[in-house]
Amino acid sequence: MKKNLLTKKLVAWLLLVPFCILLIVFALANRQIVSVQFDPFMSDPALIRPIEAPLFLVVYFMLIIGVVLGGLATWFSQGKQRKQKRHWRSEAKKLQNQQELEKQSSDQNSQLNQHPAIL
């Protein structure tokens, strides 16, 4: 068990450290200011003012937005499976409770059979 955990941590470090170094190098290489436009028609008085930010921030922001949207899409697409899992979990719990009640009643019946009442 500990070996598996150690392997996971080692792989995580071997992937995370180079990835973080790559992100830092990307940020240092792309510090130039870019203008981000949200007006597709480029009207003279801009409907939405352009935003000026370093290129690496724009790319990082788009990556974060992509991860969040991908997570939401996955979450919504798995809704049916989550609903089925809740249903079957509740069914299993009902059956387990029913088995416990049957066991208790059979235990009580066997105790009554072993100790006949003296009248």
N, C-alpha and C. Protein backbone atom coordinates (compact mmCIF):
# COMPACT_ATOMS: atom_id res chain seq x y z
N MET A 1 0.83 -1.20 0.00
CA MET A 1 0.00 0.00 0.00
C MET A 1 0.87 1.25 0.00
N LYS A 2 1.91 1.28 0.85
CA LYS A 2 2.78 2.45 0.90
C LYS A 2 3.58 2.59 -0.38
N LYS A 3 3.93 1.45 -0.99
CA LYS A 3 4.69 1.49 -2.23
C LYS A 3 3.88 2.17 -3.33
N ASN A 4 2.58 1.85 -3.39
CA ASN A 4 1.70 2.44 -4.38
C ASN A 4 1.58 3.95 -4.17
N LEU A 5 1.48 4.37 -2.92
CA LEU A 5 1.38 5.79 -2.60
C LEU A 5 2.66 6.50 -2.96
N LEU A 6 3.79 5.87 -2.67
CA LEU A 6 5.08 6.45 -3.00
C LEU A 6 5.24 6.60 -4.51
N THR A 7 4.80 5.61 -5.25
CA THR A 7 4.87 5.66 -6.71
C THR A 7 4.02 6.80 -7.24
N LYS A 8 2.82 6.96 -6.71
CA LYS A 8 1.94 8.04 -7.15
C LYS A 8 2.57 9.41 -6.88
N LYS A 9 3.17 9.56 -5.70
CA LYS A 9 3.81 10.83 -5.36
C LYS A 9 5.00 11.10 -6.27
N LEU A 10 5.77 10.07 -6.55
CA LEU A 10 6.94 10.23 -7.41
C LEU A 10 6.53 10.63 -8.82
N VAL A 11 5.51 9.96 -9.35
CA VAL A 11 5.02 10.30 -10.69
C VAL A 11 4.46 11.72 -10.70
N ALA A 12 3.74 12.08 -9.65
CA ALA A 12 3.19 13.44 -9.58
C ALA A 12 4.30 14.48 -9.60
N TRP A 13 5.35 14.24 -8.82
CA TRP A 13 6.48 15.18 -8.81
C TRP A 13 7.20 15.21 -10.15
N LEU A 14 7.36 14.04 -10.77
CA LEU A 14 8.06 13.99 -12.06
C LEU A 14 7.26 14.69 -13.16
N LEU A 15 5.96 14.77 -13.01
CA LEU A 15 5.14 15.48 -13.99
C LEU A 15 4.92 16.94 -13.61
N LEU A 16 4.72 17.18 -12.31
CA LEU A 16 4.40 18.53 -11.85
C LEU A 16 5.56 19.50 -11.96
N VAL A 17 6.73 19.09 -11.54
CA VAL A 17 7.87 20.00 -11.53
C VAL A 17 8.20 20.48 -12.95
N PRO A 18 8.35 19.58 -13.94
CA PRO A 18 8.62 20.09 -15.30
C PRO A 18 7.48 20.96 -15.85
N PHE A 19 6.24 20.61 -15.51
CA PHE A 19 5.11 21.40 -15.99
C PHE A 19 5.15 22.81 -15.39
N CYS A 20 5.44 22.91 -14.10
CA CYS A 20 5.54 24.23 -13.46
C CYS A 20 6.69 25.04 -14.05
N ILE A 21 7.82 24.38 -14.29
CA ILE A 21 8.95 25.08 -14.91
C ILE A 21 8.57 25.58 -16.30
N LEU A 22 7.84 24.74 -17.05
CA LEU A 22 7.38 25.14 -18.38
C LEU A 22 6.45 26.35 -18.31
N LEU A 23 5.54 26.38 -17.33
CA LEU A 23 4.64 27.52 -17.18
C LEU A 23 5.40 28.80 -16.83
N ILE A 24 6.41 28.68 -15.99
CA ILE A 24 7.19 29.85 -15.61
C ILE A 24 7.97 30.37 -16.81
N VAL A 25 8.58 29.47 -17.57
CA VAL A 25 9.33 29.88 -18.77
C VAL A 25 8.39 30.54 -19.77
N PHE A 26 7.19 29.97 -19.95
CA PHE A 26 6.21 30.56 -20.86
C PHE A 26 5.83 31.96 -20.42
N ALA A 27 5.60 32.13 -19.12
CA ALA A 27 5.22 33.45 -18.60
C ALA A 27 6.34 34.46 -18.82
N LEU A 28 7.58 34.06 -18.59
CA LEU A 28 8.70 34.99 -18.79
C LEU A 28 8.90 35.35 -20.25
N ALA A 29 8.62 34.41 -21.15
CA ALA A 29 8.83 34.66 -22.57
C ALA A 29 7.69 35.44 -23.21
N ASN A 30 6.54 35.52 -22.56
CA ASN A 30 5.36 36.16 -23.16
C ASN A 30 4.79 37.25 -22.24
N ARG A 31 5.63 38.19 -21.90
CA ARG A 31 5.20 39.27 -21.01
C ARG A 31 4.63 40.46 -21.78
N GLN A 32 4.72 40.44 -23.10
CA GLN A 32 4.24 41.60 -23.87
C GLN A 32 2.75 41.82 -23.66
N ILE A 33 2.37 43.07 -23.69
CA ILE A 33 0.97 43.45 -23.48
C ILE A 33 0.20 43.25 -24.78
N VAL A 34 -0.95 42.60 -24.68
CA VAL A 34 -1.83 42.41 -25.83
C VAL A 34 -3.17 43.03 -25.53
N SER A 35 -3.88 43.36 -26.57
CA SER A 35 -5.22 43.93 -26.44
C SER A 35 -6.24 42.86 -26.78
N VAL A 36 -7.13 42.59 -25.84
CA VAL A 36 -8.16 41.57 -26.05
C VAL A 36 -9.48 42.29 -26.34
N GLN A 37 -10.03 42.02 -27.53
CA GLN A 37 -11.27 42.66 -27.99
C GLN A 37 -12.45 41.71 -27.81
N PHE A 38 -13.57 42.23 -27.36
CA PHE A 38 -14.80 41.45 -27.26
C PHE A 38 -15.88 42.01 -28.19
N ASP A 39 -15.51 42.91 -29.05
CA ASP A 39 -16.44 43.52 -30.01
C ASP A 39 -16.15 42.93 -31.38
N PRO A 40 -16.95 41.96 -31.84
CA PRO A 40 -16.65 41.29 -33.11
C PRO A 40 -16.82 42.21 -34.34
N PHE A 41 -17.58 43.31 -34.21
CA PHE A 41 -17.82 44.18 -35.35
C PHE A 41 -16.87 45.36 -35.40
N MET A 42 -16.03 45.53 -34.38
CA MET A 42 -15.06 46.62 -34.29
C MET A 42 -15.71 47.97 -34.60
N SER A 43 -16.83 48.22 -33.95
CA SER A 43 -17.51 49.50 -34.15
C SER A 43 -16.65 50.62 -33.60
N ASP A 44 -16.83 51.81 -34.19
CA ASP A 44 -15.95 52.93 -33.83
C ASP A 44 -16.06 53.27 -32.34
N PRO A 45 -17.24 53.60 -31.83
CA PRO A 45 -17.28 53.65 -30.37
C PRO A 45 -17.47 52.19 -29.89
N ALA A 46 -16.46 51.61 -29.34
CA ALA A 46 -16.49 50.19 -28.96
C ALA A 46 -17.61 49.92 -27.97
N LEU A 47 -18.37 48.87 -28.26
CA LEU A 47 -19.44 48.47 -27.35
C LEU A 47 -18.85 48.01 -26.02
N ILE A 48 -17.77 47.25 -26.11
CA ILE A 48 -17.07 46.79 -24.92
C ILE A 48 -15.61 47.21 -25.05
N ARG A 49 -15.13 47.90 -24.05
CA ARG A 49 -13.75 48.37 -24.09
C ARG A 49 -12.77 47.21 -24.17
N PRO A 50 -11.74 47.30 -24.99
CA PRO A 50 -10.73 46.23 -25.03
C PRO A 50 -9.94 46.19 -23.72
N ILE A 51 -9.50 45.01 -23.37
CA ILE A 51 -8.72 44.81 -22.16
C ILE A 51 -7.27 44.60 -22.56
N GLU A 52 -6.37 45.26 -21.89
CA GLU A 52 -4.95 45.08 -22.17
C GLU A 52 -4.34 44.33 -21.00
N ALA A 53 -3.65 43.21 -21.33
CA ALA A 53 -3.04 42.36 -20.31
C ALA A 53 -1.85 41.64 -20.91
N PRO A 54 -0.95 41.17 -20.07
CA PRO A 54 0.15 40.36 -20.60
C PRO A 54 -0.38 39.09 -21.27
N LEU A 55 0.30 38.68 -22.33
CA LEU A 55 -0.15 37.53 -23.11
C LEU A 55 -0.26 36.27 -22.25
N PHE A 56 0.69 36.03 -21.36
CA PHE A 56 0.64 34.80 -20.57
C PHE A 56 -0.59 34.77 -19.66
N LEU A 57 -1.03 35.94 -19.17
CA LEU A 57 -2.25 35.96 -18.34
C LEU A 57 -3.48 35.61 -19.17
N VAL A 58 -3.53 36.09 -20.39
CA VAL A 58 -4.66 35.77 -21.27
C VAL A 58 -4.69 34.27 -21.54
N VAL A 59 -3.52 33.68 -21.84
CA VAL A 59 -3.47 32.24 -22.12
C VAL A 59 -3.84 31.44 -20.87
N TYR A 60 -3.29 31.81 -19.70
CA TYR A 60 -3.62 31.11 -18.46
C TYR A 60 -5.12 31.20 -18.16
N PHE A 61 -5.68 32.38 -18.36
CA PHE A 61 -7.11 32.57 -18.10
C PHE A 61 -7.94 31.68 -19.02
N MET A 62 -7.56 31.61 -20.29
CA MET A 62 -8.30 30.75 -21.23
C MET A 62 -8.16 29.28 -20.85
N LEU A 63 -6.99 28.87 -20.38
CA LEU A 63 -6.82 27.48 -19.93
C LEU A 63 -7.72 27.17 -18.74
N ILE A 64 -7.76 28.10 -17.80
CA ILE A 64 -8.62 27.89 -16.61
C ILE A 64 -10.08 27.82 -17.02
N ILE A 65 -10.51 28.72 -17.90
CA ILE A 65 -11.89 28.69 -18.39
C ILE A 65 -12.18 27.36 -19.08
N GLY A 66 -11.24 26.86 -19.88
CA GLY A 66 -11.42 25.58 -20.56
C GLY A 66 -11.56 24.42 -19.59
N VAL A 67 -10.74 24.42 -18.54
CA VAL A 67 -10.81 23.35 -17.55
C VAL A 67 -12.15 23.40 -16.82
N VAL A 68 -12.59 24.59 -16.44
CA VAL A 68 -13.87 24.73 -15.73
C VAL A 68 -15.03 24.29 -16.62
N LEU A 69 -15.04 24.75 -17.88
CA LEU A 69 -16.13 24.36 -18.79
C LEU A 69 -16.11 22.86 -19.07
N GLY A 70 -14.93 22.28 -19.23
CA GLY A 70 -14.82 20.84 -19.43
C GLY A 70 -15.34 20.06 -18.23
N GLY A 71 -15.00 20.54 -17.02
CA GLY A 71 -15.50 19.90 -15.81
C GLY A 71 -17.01 19.98 -15.70
N LEU A 72 -17.56 21.15 -16.03
CA LEU A 72 -19.03 21.31 -15.99
C LEU A 72 -19.71 20.41 -17.01
N ALA A 73 -19.14 20.33 -18.22
CA ALA A 73 -19.72 19.47 -19.25
C ALA A 73 -19.70 18.02 -18.81
N THR A 74 -18.60 17.59 -18.21
CA THR A 74 -18.51 16.22 -17.72
C THR A 74 -19.52 15.98 -16.61
N TRP A 75 -19.62 16.93 -15.70
CA TRP A 75 -20.55 16.78 -14.57
C TRP A 75 -21.98 16.66 -15.07
N PHE A 76 -22.38 17.52 -16.02
CA PHE A 76 -23.75 17.46 -16.54
C PHE A 76 -23.98 16.18 -17.34
N SER A 77 -22.98 15.72 -18.09
CA SER A 77 -23.18 14.52 -18.90
C SER A 77 -23.26 13.26 -18.04
N GLN A 78 -22.72 13.30 -16.82
CA GLN A 78 -22.77 12.13 -15.96
C GLN A 78 -23.94 12.18 -14.98
N GLY A 79 -24.85 13.10 -15.16
CA GLY A 79 -25.99 13.24 -14.26
C GLY A 79 -26.86 11.99 -14.20
N LYS A 80 -27.07 11.36 -15.34
CA LYS A 80 -27.91 10.16 -15.40
C LYS A 80 -27.27 9.02 -14.60
N GLN A 81 -25.95 8.87 -14.73
CA GLN A 81 -25.26 7.81 -13.98
C GLN A 81 -25.31 8.08 -12.48
N ARG A 82 -25.17 9.34 -12.08
CA ARG A 82 -25.24 9.67 -10.65
C ARG A 82 -26.63 9.38 -10.10
N LYS A 83 -27.66 9.68 -10.89
CA LYS A 83 -29.03 9.41 -10.47
C LYS A 83 -29.26 7.91 -10.30
N GLN A 84 -28.76 7.11 -11.25
CA GLN A 84 -28.89 5.66 -11.15
C GLN A 84 -28.14 5.13 -9.94
N LYS A 85 -26.96 5.67 -9.69
CA LYS A 85 -26.16 5.22 -8.55
C LYS A 85 -26.89 5.52 -7.24
N ARG A 86 -27.49 6.70 -7.13
CA ARG A 86 -28.27 7.03 -5.92
C ARG A 86 -29.43 6.06 -5.75
N HIS A 87 -30.11 5.75 -6.87
CA HIS A 87 -31.25 4.84 -6.82
C HIS A 87 -30.82 3.46 -6.32
N TRP A 88 -29.75 2.92 -6.92
CA TRP A 88 -29.32 1.58 -6.54
C TRP A 88 -28.74 1.55 -5.13
N ARG A 89 -28.12 2.65 -4.72
CA ARG A 89 -27.61 2.71 -3.34
C ARG A 89 -28.77 2.67 -2.35
N SER A 90 -29.85 3.40 -2.65
CA SER A 90 -31.01 3.38 -1.74
C SER A 90 -31.69 2.01 -1.76
N GLU A 91 -31.73 1.37 -2.93
CA GLU A 91 -32.31 0.02 -3.01
C GLU A 91 -31.49 -0.96 -2.17
N ALA A 92 -30.17 -0.86 -2.26
CA ALA A 92 -29.30 -1.75 -1.48
C ALA A 92 -29.50 -1.52 0.01
N LYS A 93 -29.65 -0.26 0.40
CA LYS A 93 -29.86 0.06 1.81
C LYS A 93 -31.20 -0.51 2.30
N LYS A 94 -32.24 -0.40 1.47
CA LYS A 94 -33.55 -0.97 1.84
C LYS A 94 -33.45 -2.48 2.02
N LEU A 95 -32.77 -3.14 1.07
CA LEU A 95 -32.62 -4.59 1.18
C LEU A 95 -31.81 -4.98 2.41
N GLN A 96 -30.79 -4.23 2.71
CA GLN A 96 -29.97 -4.51 3.89
C GLN A 96 -30.81 -4.35 5.16
N ASN A 97 -31.59 -3.28 5.23
CA ASN A 97 -32.46 -3.08 6.40
C ASN A 97 -33.48 -4.21 6.51
N GLN A 98 -34.03 -4.63 5.37
CA GLN A 98 -35.01 -5.71 5.37
C GLN A 98 -34.37 -7.01 5.86
N GLN A 99 -33.14 -7.30 5.42
CA GLN A 99 -32.45 -8.51 5.88
C GLN A 99 -32.18 -8.45 7.38
N GLU A 100 -31.80 -7.29 7.88
CA GLU A 100 -31.55 -7.15 9.31
C GLU A 100 -32.83 -7.39 10.11
N LEU A 101 -33.96 -6.85 9.63
CA LEU A 101 -35.23 -7.06 10.32
C LEU A 101 -35.62 -8.54 10.32
N GLU A 102 -35.42 -9.21 9.18
CA GLU A 102 -35.74 -10.63 9.09
C GLU A 102 -34.85 -11.43 10.02
N LYS A 103 -33.59 -11.08 10.12
CA LYS A 103 -32.67 -11.79 11.01
C LYS A 103 -33.07 -11.60 12.47
N GLN A 104 -33.44 -10.35 12.81
CA GLN A 104 -33.87 -10.08 14.18
C GLN A 104 -35.12 -10.86 14.53
N SER A 105 -36.08 -10.90 13.60
CA SER A 105 -37.31 -11.63 13.88
C SER A 105 -37.06 -13.13 13.98
N SER A 106 -36.16 -13.66 13.15
CA SER A 106 -35.85 -15.09 13.23
C SER A 106 -35.09 -15.39 14.52
N ASP A 107 -34.23 -14.49 14.98
CA ASP A 107 -33.53 -14.67 16.26
C ASP A 107 -34.53 -14.68 17.42
N GLN A 108 -35.50 -13.78 17.36
CA GLN A 108 -36.51 -13.72 18.42
C GLN A 108 -37.35 -14.99 18.42
N ASN A 109 -37.71 -15.48 17.24
CA ASN A 109 -38.50 -16.72 17.15
C ASN A 109 -37.72 -17.90 17.69
N SER A 110 -36.43 -17.97 17.38
CA SER A 110 -35.63 -19.10 17.88
C SER A 110 -35.47 -19.02 19.39
N GLN A 111 -35.38 -17.82 19.94
CA GLN A 111 -35.29 -17.68 21.40
C GLN A 111 -36.60 -18.10 22.07
N LEU A 112 -37.71 -17.76 21.45
CA LEU A 112 -39.00 -18.18 22.00
C LEU A 112 -39.16 -19.68 21.95
N ASN A 113 -38.68 -20.33 20.90
CA ASN A 113 -38.78 -21.80 20.76
C ASN A 113 -37.88 -22.49 21.78
N GLN A 114 -36.75 -21.89 22.13
CA GLN A 114 -35.84 -22.51 23.07
C GLN A 114 -36.34 -22.40 24.51
N HIS A 115 -37.05 -21.37 24.84
CA HIS A 115 -37.55 -21.14 26.20
C HIS A 115 -39.07 -21.15 26.18
N PRO A 116 -39.65 -22.31 26.30
CA PRO A 116 -41.12 -22.35 26.30
C PRO A 116 -41.66 -21.67 27.54
N ALA A 117 -42.74 -21.00 27.36
CA ALA A 117 -43.36 -20.28 28.47
C ALA A 117 -43.99 -21.27 29.43
N ILE A 118 -43.81 -21.04 30.71
CA ILE A 118 -44.40 -21.88 31.74
C ILE A 118 -45.71 -21.22 32.18
N LEU A 119 -46.77 -21.94 32.02
CA LEU A 119 -48.06 -21.39 32.38
C LEU A 119 -48.58 -21.99 33.63
